Amino acid sequence: MANSSICCAFDAPILDQILPPILFLEFIFGLMGNVLALSMFFFHRDTWKPNSIYLAHLAFADSLVLFCLPFRADYYRRGKHWVYGDTFCRILLFLLAANRAAGIFFLTAVAVDRYLKIMHPLNRINRMNLRYALWVSLGLWTLILAMTVYLLTEQHFYYRNNRTQCESFNICLGSNALADWHNAFYVIQFFVPTGIVIYCTACITWQLKSKTVDTKGKIKRAVQFVLAVAVVFVVCFFPSNVSRIAVWVLKSWYSECQFFREANVAFYTTVCFTYFNSVLNPIVYYFSSPAFSGSFRKIYLRLLRKKPDHEETTTHSSAVS
């Protein structure tokens, strides 16, 4: 993949102009949201439930990508010139891929957890303890690492005009088994979980419509939650997958690099939206349960140096995820 005669490496001045400020803003707002979320998880949680375990792992994955964004912004600021060496290039690309997969998988896990609690409340899986959720989380991380660890095994440098490009995706003409797997996994890891989330959303929404009374508001909150998950999927992950599929279509028509320049710009622009999930995920946390929304309000009021009223405090303490 490092051979520039096989893979297309492009100069893209527009990316060098627009991506650094976008990545920097994602870093700032993502840092604010994740500091708040991690504070909520470890200092303001009265009880832990399986869905809060999955969300805590999601917050951890978001923290990994925040570590990468300043270096990625600097890379584009230098005109796609990587100055931090081969080893760190591999690590950074691995962390970005692992975060993307973790964001998708753990959002899907909490959506499925909510679906089971609403649609199959008597199923024994809903009575599983936290150890079960930890095993599920371990299984998801094992799957994520198994599918992304190959990024650590080879060089991802592309040399052009005395600059070193550090990319895990590039438009390579011909057949390359590792590149084909990387592209396939990128698309599959989105569309399969998206199908699951759409199914969960449709079922829970239908359940809300079929219920004349939702006395505790559980179904309504579940609908709000899975809709928040769906918004994150659409905004953060859908555009880059569409642009990647477009590259596949173009490869079936053309075999010269000049025909892929616009597609290359479109893909790397939309990839930046995947990092935006670290900004939007705190919204998912807010809608996940009354306990989480109560924690957010409690922290917010504390930051404003206001004391929460008795009713709000009582509601938060008694809320069940």
C-alpha atoms as a PDB file:
ATOM      1  CA  MET A   1       0.000   0.000   0.000  1.00  0.00           C
ATOM      2  CA  ALA A   2       2.932   2.326   0.431  1.00  0.00           C
ATOM      3  CA  ASN A   3       3.804   2.129  -3.273  1.00  0.00           C
ATOM      4  CA  SER A   4       2.640   5.369  -4.913  1.00  0.00           C
ATOM      5  CA  SER A   5       2.599   3.638  -8.329  1.00  0.00           C
ATOM      6  CA  ILE A   6      -0.263   1.447  -7.068  1.00  0.00           C
ATOM      7  CA  CYS A   7      -2.165   3.873  -4.815  1.00  0.00           C
ATOM      8  CA  CYS A   8      -3.337   7.377  -5.693  1.00  0.00           C
ATOM      9  CA  ALA A   9      -1.999  10.149  -3.452  1.00  0.00           C
ATOM     10  CA  PHE A  10      -3.540  13.587  -3.961  1.00  0.00           C
ATOM     11  CA  ASP A  11      -2.804  17.137  -2.913  1.00  0.00           C
ATOM     12  CA  ALA A  12      -5.989  18.692  -1.530  1.00  0.00           C
ATOM     13  CA  PRO A  13      -5.480  22.339  -0.500  1.00  0.00           C
ATOM     14  CA  ILE A  14      -9.144  22.721   0.417  1.00  0.00           C
ATOM     15  CA  LEU A  15      -8.793  19.972   3.039  1.00  0.00           C
ATOM     16  CA  ASP A  16      -5.736  21.709   4.471  1.00  0.00           C
ATOM     17  CA  GLN A  17      -7.828  24.846   4.938  1.00  0.00           C
ATOM     18  CA  ILE A  18     -11.132  23.558   6.289  1.00  0.00           C
ATOM     19  CA  LEU A  19     -10.243  20.414   8.248  1.00  0.00           C
ATOM     20  CA  PRO A  20      -7.833  21.821  10.912  1.00  0.00           C
ATOM     21  CA  PRO A  21     -10.417  24.250  12.405  1.00  0.00           C
ATOM     22  CA  ILE A  22     -13.139  21.578  12.220  1.00  0.00           C
ATOM     23  CA  LEU A  23     -10.953  19.028  14.006  1.00  0.00           C
ATOM     24  CA  PHE A  24      -9.903  21.600  16.591  1.00  0.00           C
ATOM     25  CA  LEU A  25     -13.541  22.499  17.353  1.00  0.00           C
ATOM     26  CA  GLU A  26     -14.421  18.811  17.633  1.00  0.00           C
ATOM     27  CA  PHE A  27     -11.535  18.421  20.078  1.00  0.00           C
ATOM     28  CA  ILE A  28     -12.669  21.370  22.236  1.00  0.00           C
ATOM     29  CA  PHE A  29     -16.367  20.498  22.394  1.00  0.00           C
ATOM     30  CA  GLY A  30     -15.664  16.772  22.629  1.00  0.00           C
ATOM     31  CA  LEU A  31     -13.307  17.381  25.537  1.00  0.00           C
ATOM     32  CA  MET A  32     -15.946  19.444  27.344  1.00  0.00           C
ATOM     33  CA  GLY A  33     -18.630  16.818  26.790  1.00  0.00           C
ATOM     34  CA  ASN A  34     -16.453  13.883  27.776  1.00  0.00           C
ATOM     35  CA  VAL A  35     -15.094  15.542  30.921  1.00  0.00           C
ATOM     36  CA  LEU A  36     -18.709  16.113  31.929  1.00  0.00           C
ATOM     37  CA  ALA A  37     -19.690  12.543  30.981  1.00  0.00           C
ATOM     38  CA  LEU A  38     -16.760  10.880  32.775  1.00  0.00           C
ATOM     39  CA  SER A  39     -17.421  13.035  35.843  1.00  0.00           C
ATOM     40  CA  MET A  40     -21.015  11.864  35.763  1.00  0.00           C
ATOM     41  CA  PHE A  41     -20.040   8.211  35.407  1.00  0.00           C
ATOM     42  CA  PHE A  42     -17.492   8.080  38.214  1.00  0.00           C
ATOM     43  CA  PHE A  43     -18.610  10.740  40.701  1.00  0.00           C
ATOM     44  CA  HIS A  44     -22.365  11.208  40.277  1.00  0.00           C
ATOM     45  CA  ARG A  45     -23.701   7.715  39.694  1.00  0.00           C
ATOM     46  CA  ASP A  46     -25.871   6.226  42.439  1.00  0.00           C
ATOM     47  CA  THR A  47     -26.366   2.888  40.678  1.00  0.00           C
ATOM     48  CA  TRP A  48     -24.860   1.039  37.724  1.00  0.00           C
ATOM     49  CA  LYS A  49     -26.915  -0.796  35.129  1.00  0.00           C
ATOM     50  CA  PRO A  50     -25.833  -2.695  31.990  1.00  0.00           C
ATOM     51  CA  ASN A  51     -26.610   0.247  29.713  1.00  0.00           C
ATOM     52  CA  SER A  52     -24.452   2.563  31.851  1.00  0.00           C
ATOM     53  CA  ILE A  53     -21.577   0.055  31.503  1.00  0.00           C
ATOM     54  CA  TYR A  54     -21.870   0.235  27.714  1.00  0.00           C
ATOM     55  CA  LEU A  55     -22.065   4.029  27.792  1.00  0.00           C
ATOM     56  CA  ALA A  56     -18.989   4.234  30.041  1.00  0.00           C
ATOM     57  CA  HIS A  57     -17.029   2.199  27.469  1.00  0.00           C
ATOM     58  CA  LEU A  58     -18.345   4.532  24.772  1.00  0.00           C
ATOM     59  CA  ALA A  59     -17.052   7.533  26.733  1.00  0.00           C
ATOM     60  CA  PHE A  60     -13.672   5.800  27.040  1.00  0.00           C
ATOM     61  CA  ALA A  61     -13.571   5.271  23.266  1.00  0.00           C
ATOM     62  CA  ASP A  62     -14.395   8.946  22.737  1.00  0.00           C
ATOM     63  CA  SER A  63     -11.479   9.880  24.979  1.00  0.00           C
ATOM     64  CA  LEU A  64      -9.164   7.876  22.703  1.00  0.00           C
ATOM     65  CA  VAL A  65     -10.196   9.803  19.606  1.00  0.00           C
ATOM     66  CA  LEU A  66      -9.786  13.145  21.402  1.00  0.00           C
ATOM     67  CA  PHE A  67      -6.136  12.223  21.941  1.00  0.00           C
ATOM     68  CA  CYS A  68      -5.764  11.818  18.160  1.00  0.00           C
ATOM     69  CA  LEU A  69      -7.528  14.933  16.864  1.00  0.00           C
ATOM     70  CA  PRO A  70      -4.854  17.576  17.613  1.00  0.00           C
ATOM     71  CA  PHE A  71      -2.258  15.497  15.746  1.00  0.00           C
ATOM     72  CA  ARG A  72      -4.636  14.976  12.843  1.00  0.00           C
ATOM     73  CA  ALA A  73      -5.365  18.717  12.717  1.00  0.00           C
ATOM     74  CA  ASP A  74      -1.630  19.458  12.690  1.00  0.00           C
ATOM     75  CA  TYR A  75      -1.175  16.942   9.872  1.00  0.00           C
ATOM     76  CA  TYR A  76      -3.650  18.791   7.670  1.00  0.00           C
ATOM     77  CA  ARG A  77      -2.291  22.180   8.746  1.00  0.00           C
ATOM     78  CA  ARG A  78       1.073  21.117   7.317  1.00  0.00           C
ATOM     79  CA  GLY A  79      -0.541  20.223   3.982  1.00  0.00           C
ATOM     80  CA  LYS A  80      -0.945  16.483   4.717  1.00  0.00           C
ATOM     81  CA  HIS A  81       2.625  16.121   5.913  1.00  0.00           C
ATOM     82  CA  TRP A  82       3.217  13.686   8.806  1.00  0.00           C
ATOM     83  CA  VAL A  83       6.248  14.517  10.955  1.00  0.00           C
ATOM     84  CA  TYR A  84       5.763  12.146  13.910  1.00  0.00           C
ATOM     85  CA  GLY A  85       7.210   8.951  12.494  1.00  0.00           C
ATOM     86  CA  ASP A  86       5.967   5.594  11.284  1.00  0.00           C
ATOM     87  CA  THR A  87       5.160   4.053  14.680  1.00  0.00           C
ATOM     88  CA  PHE A  88       2.960   6.899  15.840  1.00  0.00           C
ATOM     89  CA  CYS A  89       1.267   7.001  12.423  1.00  0.00           C
ATOM     90  CA  ARG A  90       0.248   3.361  12.834  1.00  0.00           C
ATOM     91  CA  ILE A  91      -0.932   3.913  16.425  1.00  0.00           C
ATOM     92  CA  LEU A  92      -2.983   6.974  15.517  1.00  0.00           C
ATOM     93  CA  LEU A  93      -4.706   5.301  12.563  1.00  0.00           C
ATOM     94  CA  PHE A  94      -5.403   2.242  14.712  1.00  0.00           C
ATOM     95  CA  LEU A  95      -6.947   4.393  17.470  1.00  0.00           C
ATOM     96  CA  LEU A  96      -9.119   6.271  14.981  1.00  0.00           C
ATOM     97  CA  ALA A  97     -10.401   3.020  13.480  1.00  0.00           C
ATOM     98  CA  ALA A  98     -10.968   1.434  16.904  1.00  0.00           C
ATOM     99  CA  ASN A  99     -12.869   4.502  18.100  1.00  0.00           C
ATOM    100  CA  ARG A 100     -15.084   4.483  15.032  1.00  0.00           C
ATOM    101  CA  ALA A 101     -15.927   0.811  15.519  1.00  0.00           C
ATOM    102  CA  ALA A 102     -16.402   1.212  19.282  1.00  0.00           C
ATOM    103  CA  GLY A 103     -18.716   4.177  18.771  1.00  0.00           C
ATOM    104  CA  ILE A 104     -20.905   2.142  16.449  1.00  0.00           C
ATOM    105  CA  PHE A 105     -20.846  -1.118  18.429  1.00  0.00           C
ATOM    106  CA  PHE A 106     -21.520   0.327  21.889  1.00  0.00           C
ATOM    107  CA  LEU A 107     -24.275   2.620  20.615  1.00  0.00           C
ATOM    108  CA  THR A 108     -25.846  -0.466  19.093  1.00  0.00           C
ATOM    109  CA  ALA A 109     -25.439  -2.354  22.381  1.00  0.00           C
ATOM    110  CA  VAL A 110     -27.315   0.269  24.399  1.00  0.00           C
ATOM    111  CA  ALA A 111     -30.048   0.445  21.736  1.00  0.00           C
ATOM    112  CA  VAL A 112     -30.489  -3.337  21.888  1.00  0.00           C
ATOM    113  CA  ASP A 113     -30.488  -3.211  25.705  1.00  0.00           C
ATOM    114  CA  ARG A 114     -33.293  -0.646  25.632  1.00  0.00           C
ATOM    115  CA  TYR A 115     -35.195  -2.662  23.023  1.00  0.00           C
ATOM    116  CA  LEU A 116     -35.092  -5.791  25.187  1.00  0.00           C
ATOM    117  CA  LYS A 117     -36.293  -3.931  28.274  1.00  0.00           C
ATOM    118  CA  ILE A 118     -39.258  -2.411  26.440  1.00  0.00           C
ATOM    119  CA  MET A 119     -40.245  -5.158  24.013  1.00  0.00           C
ATOM    120  CA  HIS A 120     -39.299  -8.242  26.073  1.00  0.00           C
ATOM    121  CA  PRO A 121     -39.404  -7.127  29.734  1.00  0.00           C
ATOM    122  CA  LEU A 122     -39.774 -10.681  31.062  1.00  0.00           C
ATOM    123  CA  ASN A 123     -36.835 -12.099  29.141  1.00  0.00           C
ATOM    124  CA  ARG A 124     -34.201 -13.479  31.504  1.00  0.00           C
ATOM    125  CA  ILE A 125     -31.486 -11.485  29.759  1.00  0.00           C
ATOM    126  CA  ASN A 126     -32.925  -8.364  31.425  1.00  0.00           C
ATOM    127  CA  ARG A 127     -32.145  -9.904  34.814  1.00  0.00           C
ATOM    128  CA  MET A 128     -28.456 -10.356  34.036  1.00  0.00           C
ATOM    129  CA  ASN A 129     -26.098  -8.601  36.451  1.00  0.00           C
ATOM    130  CA  LEU A 130     -23.267  -6.182  35.755  1.00  0.00           C
ATOM    131  CA  ARG A 131     -20.822  -9.043  35.207  1.00  0.00           C
ATOM    132  CA  TYR A 132     -22.822 -10.006  32.118  1.00  0.00           C
ATOM    133  CA  ALA A 133     -22.558  -6.438  30.773  1.00  0.00           C
ATOM    134  CA  LEU A 134     -18.818  -6.463  31.424  1.00  0.00           C
ATOM    135  CA  TRP A 135     -18.442  -9.722  29.491  1.00  0.00           C
ATOM    136  CA  VAL A 136     -20.445  -8.259  26.595  1.00  0.00           C
ATOM    137  CA  SER A 137     -18.193  -5.181  26.655  1.00  0.00           C
ATOM    138  CA  LEU A 138     -15.087  -7.368  26.702  1.00  0.00           C
ATOM    139  CA  GLY A 139     -16.445  -9.330  23.740  1.00  0.00           C
ATOM    140  CA  LEU A 140     -17.100  -6.138  21.780  1.00  0.00           C
ATOM    141  CA  TRP A 141     -13.599  -4.804  22.477  1.00  0.00           C
ATOM    142  CA  THR A 142     -12.120  -8.160  21.410  1.00  0.00           C
ATOM    143  CA  LEU A 143     -14.064  -7.966  18.155  1.00  0.00           C
ATOM    144  CA  ILE A 144     -13.003  -4.338  17.622  1.00  0.00           C
ATOM    145  CA  LEU A 145      -9.327  -5.073  18.242  1.00  0.00           C
ATOM    146  CA  ALA A 146      -9.371  -8.213  16.091  1.00  0.00           C
ATOM    147  CA  MET A 147     -10.785  -6.241  13.180  1.00  0.00           C
ATOM    148  CA  THR A 148      -8.523  -3.178  13.462  1.00  0.00           C
ATOM    149  CA  VAL A 149      -5.191  -4.472  14.805  1.00  0.00           C
ATOM    150  CA  TYR A 150      -3.953  -5.057  11.245  1.00  0.00           C
ATOM    151  CA  LEU A 151      -3.438  -1.276  11.029  1.00  0.00           C
ATOM    152  CA  LEU A 152      -0.465  -1.726  13.367  1.00  0.00           C
ATOM    153  CA  THR A 153       1.198  -4.317  11.176  1.00  0.00           C
ATOM    154  CA  GLU A 154       2.274  -2.331   8.130  1.00  0.00           C
ATOM    155  CA  GLN A 155       3.377   1.117   7.038  1.00  0.00           C
ATOM    156  CA  HIS A 156       0.780   3.656   5.908  1.00  0.00           C
ATOM    157  CA  PHE A 157       3.063   6.266   4.369  1.00  0.00           C
ATOM    158  CA  TYR A 158       2.471   7.789   0.956  1.00  0.00           C
ATOM    159  CA  TYR A 159       5.208  10.049  -0.403  1.00  0.00           C
ATOM    160  CA  ARG A 160       4.284  13.014  -2.607  1.00  0.00           C
ATOM    161  CA  ASN A 161       6.113  16.288  -3.295  1.00  0.00           C
ATOM    162  CA  ASN A 162       8.576  15.820  -0.424  1.00  0.00           C
ATOM    163  CA  ARG A 163       5.735  15.257   1.997  1.00  0.00           C
ATOM    164  CA  THR A 164       4.801  12.128   3.908  1.00  0.00           C
ATOM    165  CA  GLN A 165       1.094  11.322   3.964  1.00  0.00           C
ATOM    166  CA  CYS A 166      -0.168   9.144   6.822  1.00  0.00           C
ATOM    167  CA  GLU A 167      -3.387   7.503   5.632  1.00  0.00           C
ATOM    168  CA  SER A 168      -5.203   4.267   6.362  1.00  0.00           C
ATOM    169  CA  PHE A 169      -7.489   4.859   3.384  1.00  0.00           C
ATOM    170  CA  ASN A 170      -6.263   5.579  -0.079  1.00  0.00           C
ATOM    171  CA  ILE A 171      -7.554   4.829  -3.537  1.00  0.00           C
ATOM    172  CA  CYS A 172      -5.499   1.843  -4.660  1.00  0.00           C
ATOM    173  CA  LEU A 173      -5.930   0.611  -8.207  1.00  0.00           C
ATOM    174  CA  GLY A 174      -5.952  -3.106  -8.689  1.00  0.00           C
ATOM    175  CA  SER A 175      -6.485  -5.700  -5.968  1.00  0.00           C
ATOM    176  CA  ASN A 176      -4.997  -5.564  -2.483  1.00  0.00           C
ATOM    177  CA  ALA A 177      -6.363  -8.036   0.080  1.00  0.00           C
ATOM    178  CA  LEU A 178      -5.659  -5.863   3.126  1.00  0.00           C
ATOM    179  CA  ALA A 179      -7.018  -2.709   1.495  1.00  0.00           C
ATOM    180  CA  ASP A 180     -10.125  -4.591   0.332  1.00  0.00           C
ATOM    181  CA  TRP A 181     -10.726  -5.881   3.873  1.00  0.00           C
ATOM    182  CA  HIS A 182     -10.233  -2.395   5.330  1.00  0.00           C
ATOM    183  CA  ASN A 183     -12.826  -0.954   2.957  1.00  0.00           C
ATOM    184  CA  ALA A 184     -15.267  -3.820   3.442  1.00  0.00           C
ATOM    185  CA  PHE A 185     -15.057  -3.661   7.226  1.00  0.00           C
ATOM    186  CA  TYR A 186     -15.574   0.109   7.138  1.00  0.00           C
ATOM    187  CA  VAL A 187     -18.892  -0.298   5.340  1.00  0.00           C
ATOM    188  CA  ILE A 188     -20.100  -3.499   7.031  1.00  0.00           C
ATOM    189  CA  GLN A 189     -19.458  -2.165  10.531  1.00  0.00           C
ATOM    190  CA  PHE A 190     -21.885   0.650   9.745  1.00  0.00           C
ATOM    191  CA  PHE A 191     -24.723  -0.940   7.785  1.00  0.00           C
ATOM    192  CA  VAL A 192     -25.233  -4.050   9.942  1.00  0.00           C
ATOM    193  CA  PRO A 193     -25.525  -2.096  13.254  1.00  0.00           C
ATOM    194  CA  THR A 194     -27.614   0.550  11.469  1.00  0.00           C
ATOM    195  CA  GLY A 195     -30.100  -2.127  10.453  1.00  0.00           C
ATOM    196  CA  ILE A 196     -30.281  -3.260  14.089  1.00  0.00           C
ATOM    197  CA  VAL A 197     -30.795   0.289  15.364  1.00  0.00           C
ATOM    198  CA  ILE A 198     -33.510   0.974  12.775  1.00  0.00           C
ATOM    199  CA  TYR A 199     -35.307  -2.221  13.805  1.00  0.00           C
ATOM    200  CA  CYS A 200     -35.095  -1.313  17.513  1.00  0.00           C
ATOM    201  CA  THR A 201     -36.320   2.212  16.793  1.00  0.00           C
ATOM    202  CA  ALA A 202     -39.282   1.016  14.739  1.00  0.00           C
ATOM    203  CA  CYS A 203     -40.337  -1.584  17.330  1.00  0.00           C
ATOM    204  CA  ILE A 204     -40.120   0.773  20.302  1.00  0.00           C
ATOM    205  CA  THR A 205     -41.908   3.562  18.417  1.00  0.00           C
ATOM    206  CA  TRP A 206     -44.683   1.150  17.468  1.00  0.00           C
ATOM    207  CA  GLN A 207     -44.927   0.031  21.076  1.00  0.00           C
ATOM    208  CA  LEU A 208     -45.404   3.653  22.173  1.00  0.00           C
ATOM    209  CA  LYS A 209     -48.172   4.179  19.613  1.00  0.00           C
ATOM    210  CA  SER A 210     -49.960   0.983  20.618  1.00  0.00           C
ATOM    211  CA  LYS A 211     -49.931   1.895  24.315  1.00  0.00           C
ATOM    212  CA  THR A 212     -52.781   4.156  25.372  1.00  0.00           C
ATOM    213  CA  VAL A 213     -51.082   4.906  28.699  1.00  0.00           C
ATOM    214  CA  ASP A 214     -47.370   5.110  29.473  1.00  0.00           C
ATOM    215  CA  THR A 215     -47.665   5.935  33.156  1.00  0.00           C
ATOM    216  CA  LYS A 216     -43.953   6.019  33.974  1.00  0.00           C
ATOM    217  CA  GLY A 217     -42.862   7.435  30.626  1.00  0.00           C
ATOM    218  CA  LYS A 218     -40.435   4.544  30.064  1.00  0.00           C
ATOM    219  CA  ILE A 219     -41.459   3.890  26.481  1.00  0.00           C
ATOM    220  CA  LYS A 220     -41.388   7.585  25.585  1.00  0.00           C
ATOM    221  CA  ARG A 221     -37.880   7.921  27.052  1.00  0.00           C
ATOM    222  CA  ALA A 222     -36.801   4.794  25.163  1.00  0.00           C
ATOM    223  CA  VAL A 223     -38.066   6.312  21.894  1.00  0.00           C
ATOM    224  CA  GLN A 224     -36.173   9.545  22.603  1.00  0.00           C
ATOM    225  CA  PHE A 225     -33.061   7.538  23.371  1.00  0.00           C
ATOM    226  CA  VAL A 226     -33.030   5.335  20.265  1.00  0.00           C
ATOM    227  CA  LEU A 227     -33.856   8.372  18.119  1.00  0.00           C
ATOM    228  CA  ALA A 228     -30.820  10.123  19.603  1.00  0.00           C
ATOM    229  CA  VAL A 229     -28.730   7.058  18.703  1.00  0.00           C
ATOM    230  CA  ALA A 230     -30.161   7.116  15.180  1.00  0.00           C
ATOM    231  CA  VAL A 231     -29.271  10.809  14.803  1.00  0.00           C
ATOM    232  CA  VAL A 232     -25.662  10.080  15.794  1.00  0.00           C
ATOM    233  CA  PHE A 233     -25.518   7.252  13.237  1.00  0.00           C
ATOM    234  CA  VAL A 234     -26.897   9.424  10.432  1.00  0.00           C
ATOM    235  CA  VAL A 235     -24.887  12.566  11.151  1.00  0.00           C
ATOM    236  CA  CYS A 236     -21.562  10.963  12.081  1.00  0.00           C
ATOM    237  CA  PHE A 237     -21.249   7.720  10.150  1.00  0.00           C
ATOM    238  CA  PHE A 238     -23.575   7.782   7.131  1.00  0.00           C
ATOM    239  CA  PRO A 239     -21.812  10.433   4.944  1.00  0.00           C
ATOM    240  CA  SER A 240     -18.383   8.769   4.976  1.00  0.00           C
ATOM    241  CA  ASN A 241     -19.882   5.380   4.128  1.00  0.00           C
ATOM    242  CA  VAL A 242     -21.762   6.822   1.168  1.00  0.00           C
ATOM    243  CA  SER A 243     -18.588   8.491  -0.124  1.00  0.00           C
ATOM    244  CA  ARG A 244     -16.617   5.259   0.347  1.00  0.00           C
ATOM    245  CA  ILE A 245     -19.191   3.287  -1.635  1.00  0.00           C
ATOM    246  CA  ALA A 246     -18.971   5.964  -4.322  1.00  0.00           C
ATOM    247  CA  VAL A 247     -15.225   5.257  -4.582  1.00  0.00           C
ATOM    248  CA  TRP A 248     -15.988   1.554  -5.127  1.00  0.00           C
ATOM    249  CA  VAL A 249     -18.405   2.422  -7.910  1.00  0.00           C
ATOM    250  CA  LEU A 250     -15.853   4.694  -9.569  1.00  0.00           C
ATOM    251  CA  LYS A 251     -13.203   1.943  -9.391  1.00  0.00           C
ATOM    252  CA  SER A 252     -15.481  -0.282 -11.428  1.00  0.00           C
ATOM    253  CA  TRP A 253     -15.565   2.392 -14.141  1.00  0.00           C
ATOM    254  CA  TYR A 254     -12.105   3.969 -14.133  1.00  0.00           C
ATOM    255  CA  SER A 255      -8.513   2.839 -13.700  1.00  0.00           C
ATOM    256  CA  GLU A 256      -6.667   6.177 -13.610  1.00  0.00           C
ATOM    257  CA  CYS A 257      -6.060   8.321 -10.523  1.00  0.00           C
ATOM    258  CA  GLN A 258      -7.258  11.568 -12.126  1.00  0.00           C
ATOM    259  CA  PHE A 259     -10.871  10.397 -11.972  1.00  0.00           C
ATOM    260  CA  PHE A 260     -10.803   9.992  -8.175  1.00  0.00           C
ATOM    261  CA  ARG A 261      -9.676  13.447  -7.026  1.00  0.00           C
ATOM    262  CA  GLU A 262     -13.141  14.764  -6.083  1.00  0.00           C
ATOM    263  CA  ALA A 263     -14.102  11.451  -4.473  1.00  0.00           C
ATOM    264  CA  ASN A 264     -10.942  11.594  -2.377  1.00  0.00           C
ATOM    265  CA  VAL A 265     -11.802  15.104  -1.121  1.00  0.00           C
ATOM    266  CA  ALA A 266     -15.398  14.040  -0.382  1.00  0.00           C
ATOM    267  CA  PHE A 267     -14.295  11.011   1.615  1.00  0.00           C
ATOM    268  CA  TYR A 268     -11.752  12.775   3.823  1.00  0.00           C
ATOM    269  CA  THR A 269     -14.194  15.617   4.450  1.00  0.00           C
ATOM    270  CA  THR A 270     -16.964  13.253   5.528  1.00  0.00           C
ATOM    271  CA  VAL A 271     -14.574  11.156   7.625  1.00  0.00           C
ATOM    272  CA  CYS A 272     -14.246  14.153   9.942  1.00  0.00           C
ATOM    273  CA  PHE A 273     -17.925  13.760  10.763  1.00  0.00           C
ATOM    274  CA  THR A 274     -17.134  10.386  12.362  1.00  0.00           C
ATOM    275  CA  TYR A 275     -15.077  12.184  15.013  1.00  0.00           C
ATOM    276  CA  PHE A 276     -18.116  14.373  15.739  1.00  0.00           C
ATOM    277  CA  ASN A 277     -19.668  11.445  17.584  1.00  0.00           C
ATOM    278  CA  SER A 278     -17.541  12.357  20.626  1.00  0.00           C
ATOM    279  CA  VAL A 279     -19.411  15.689  20.653  1.00  0.00           C
ATOM    280  CA  LEU A 280     -22.894  14.222  20.144  1.00  0.00           C
ATOM    281  CA  ASN A 281     -22.639  11.191  22.437  1.00  0.00           C
ATOM    282  CA  PRO A 282     -23.317  13.214  25.626  1.00  0.00           C
ATOM    283  CA  ILE A 283     -26.753  13.891  24.096  1.00  0.00           C
ATOM    284  CA  VAL A 284     -27.257  10.123  23.943  1.00  0.00           C
ATOM    285  CA  TYR A 285     -26.228   9.872  27.605  1.00  0.00           C
ATOM    286  CA  TYR A 286     -28.786  12.538  28.536  1.00  0.00           C
ATOM    287  CA  PHE A 287     -31.672  10.622  26.961  1.00  0.00           C
ATOM    288  CA  SER A 288     -30.520   7.208  28.179  1.00  0.00           C
ATOM    289  CA  SER A 289     -32.337   7.378  31.536  1.00  0.00           C
ATOM    290  CA  PRO A 290     -33.722   9.747  34.196  1.00  0.00           C
ATOM    291  CA  ALA A 291     -30.636   9.010  36.295  1.00  0.00           C
ATOM    292  CA  PHE A 292     -28.329  10.344  33.597  1.00  0.00           C
ATOM    293  CA  SER A 293     -30.420  13.413  32.834  1.00  0.00           C
ATOM    294  CA  GLY A 294     -30.652  14.063  36.581  1.00  0.00           C
ATOM    295  CA  SER A 295     -26.863  13.805  36.840  1.00  0.00           C
ATOM    296  CA  PHE A 296     -26.421  16.279  33.999  1.00  0.00           C
ATOM    297  CA  ARG A 297     -28.767  18.760  35.632  1.00  0.00           C
ATOM    298  CA  LYS A 298     -27.059  18.309  38.967  1.00  0.00           C
ATOM    299  CA  ILE A 299     -23.598  18.971  37.517  1.00  0.00           C
ATOM    300  CA  TYR A 300     -24.904  21.903  35.469  1.00  0.00           C
ATOM    301  CA  LEU A 301     -26.472  23.533  38.509  1.00  0.00           C
ATOM    302  CA  ARG A 302     -23.312  22.935  40.509  1.00  0.00           C
ATOM    303  CA  LEU A 303     -21.275  24.666  37.792  1.00  0.00           C
ATOM    304  CA  LEU A 304     -23.698  27.593  38.052  1.00  0.00           C
ATOM    305  CA  ARG A 305     -23.354  27.416  41.847  1.00  0.00           C
ATOM    306  CA  LYS A 306     -27.058  26.775  42.277  1.00  0.00           C
ATOM    307  CA  LYS A 307     -28.515  24.220  44.643  1.00  0.00           C
ATOM    308  CA  PRO A 308     -30.910  21.739  43.030  1.00  0.00           C
ATOM    309  CA  ASP A 309     -34.375  21.770  44.546  1.00  0.00           C
ATOM    310  CA  HIS A 310     -35.562  18.907  46.735  1.00  0.00           C
ATOM    311  CA  GLU A 311     -37.896  17.428  44.142  1.00  0.00           C
ATOM    312  CA  GLU A 312     -35.209  17.210  41.465  1.00  0.00           C
ATOM    313  CA  THR A 313     -32.706  15.637  43.884  1.00  0.00           C
ATOM    314  CA  THR A 314     -35.277  13.063  44.990  1.00  0.00           C
ATOM    315  CA  THR A 315     -36.145  12.201  41.394  1.00  0.00           C
ATOM    316  CA  HIS A 316     -32.475  11.678  40.519  1.00  0.00           C
ATOM    317  CA  SER A 317     -31.802   9.512  43.546  1.00  0.00           C
ATOM    318  CA  SER A 318     -34.742   7.234  42.885  1.00  0.00           C
ATOM    319  CA  ALA A 319     -34.388   6.988  39.120  1.00  0.00           C
ATOM    320  CA  VAL A 320     -33.644   3.627  37.627  1.00  0.00           C
ATOM    321  CA  SER A 321     -31.624   3.259  34.442  1.00  0.00           C
END
